[in-house]
């Protein structure tokens, strides 16, 4: 009886944990990509401002 209980418990929890891990990896990848994109965009904007000698946006 106890062995059957634990095997059922493990089989019940495993799909939830796996789906949670996949969700976590996807969200982490999206957030990292967004952060990298913001850094690159900021760098490009700074380079473009330097080319035309416009001061940086004081609000940012």
Protein backbone atom coordinates (compact mmCIF):
# COMPACT_ATOMS: atom_id res chain seq x y z
CA UNK A 1 0.00 0.00 0.00
CA UNK A 2 2.60 2.69 0.88
CA UNK A 3 4.62 1.92 -2.25
CA UNK A 4 1.53 2.37 -4.42
CA UNK A 5 0.72 5.66 -2.68
CA UNK A 6 4.16 7.16 -3.34
CA UNK A 7 4.27 6.04 -6.96
CA UNK A 8 0.84 7.58 -7.56
CA UNK A 9 1.94 10.77 -5.83
CA UNK A 10 5.08 11.02 -7.98
CA UNK A 11 3.14 10.35 -11.18
CA UNK A 12 0.59 12.98 -10.19
CA UNK A 13 3.10 15.74 -9.42
CA UNK A 14 5.58 15.11 -12.25
CA UNK A 15 3.55 16.65 -15.12
CA UNK A 16 2.87 19.79 -13.09
CA UNK A 17 6.54 20.22 -12.26
CA UNK A 18 7.59 19.66 -15.88
CA UNK A 19 5.07 22.15 -17.25
CA UNK A 20 6.17 24.65 -14.61
CA UNK A 21 9.82 24.23 -15.61
CA UNK A 22 9.03 24.70 -19.31
CA UNK A 23 7.01 27.82 -18.48
CA UNK A 24 9.87 29.17 -16.36
CA UNK A 25 12.43 28.60 -19.13
CA UNK A 26 10.22 30.28 -21.73
CA UNK A 27 9.52 33.33 -19.56
CA UNK A 28 13.21 33.57 -18.62
CA UNK A 29 14.23 33.47 -22.30
CA UNK A 30 11.69 36.17 -23.19
CA UNK A 31 12.86 38.45 -20.39
CA UNK A 32 16.54 37.96 -21.24
CA UNK A 33 15.86 38.68 -24.92
CA UNK A 34 13.94 41.83 -23.99
CA UNK A 35 16.77 43.01 -21.74
CA UNK A 36 19.37 42.39 -24.43
CA UNK A 37 17.23 44.17 -27.01
CA UNK A 38 16.86 47.21 -24.76
CA UNK A 39 20.64 47.37 -24.21
CA UNK A 40 21.38 47.16 -27.92
CA UNK A 41 18.71 49.72 -28.79
CA UNK A 42 20.04 52.11 -26.16
CA UNK A 43 23.58 51.73 -27.48
CA UNK A 44 22.47 52.32 -31.08
CA UNK A 45 20.47 55.39 -30.09
CA UNK A 46 23.49 56.80 -28.22
CA UNK A 47 25.68 56.23 -31.28
CA UNK A 48 23.15 57.96 -33.54
CA UNK A 49 22.87 60.92 -31.16
CA UNK A 50 26.67 61.21 -31.10
CA UNK A 51 26.75 61.25 -34.90
CA UNK A 52 24.40 64.21 -35.14
CA UNK A 53 25.52 65.82 -31.84
CA UNK A 54 22.08 65.86 -30.22
CA UNK A 55 22.07 65.76 -26.41
CA UNK A 56 20.63 62.71 -24.72
CA UNK A 57 16.99 62.77 -23.69
CA UNK A 58 16.86 64.32 -20.17
CA UNK A 59 13.70 62.34 -19.30
CA UNK A 60 15.40 58.95 -19.74
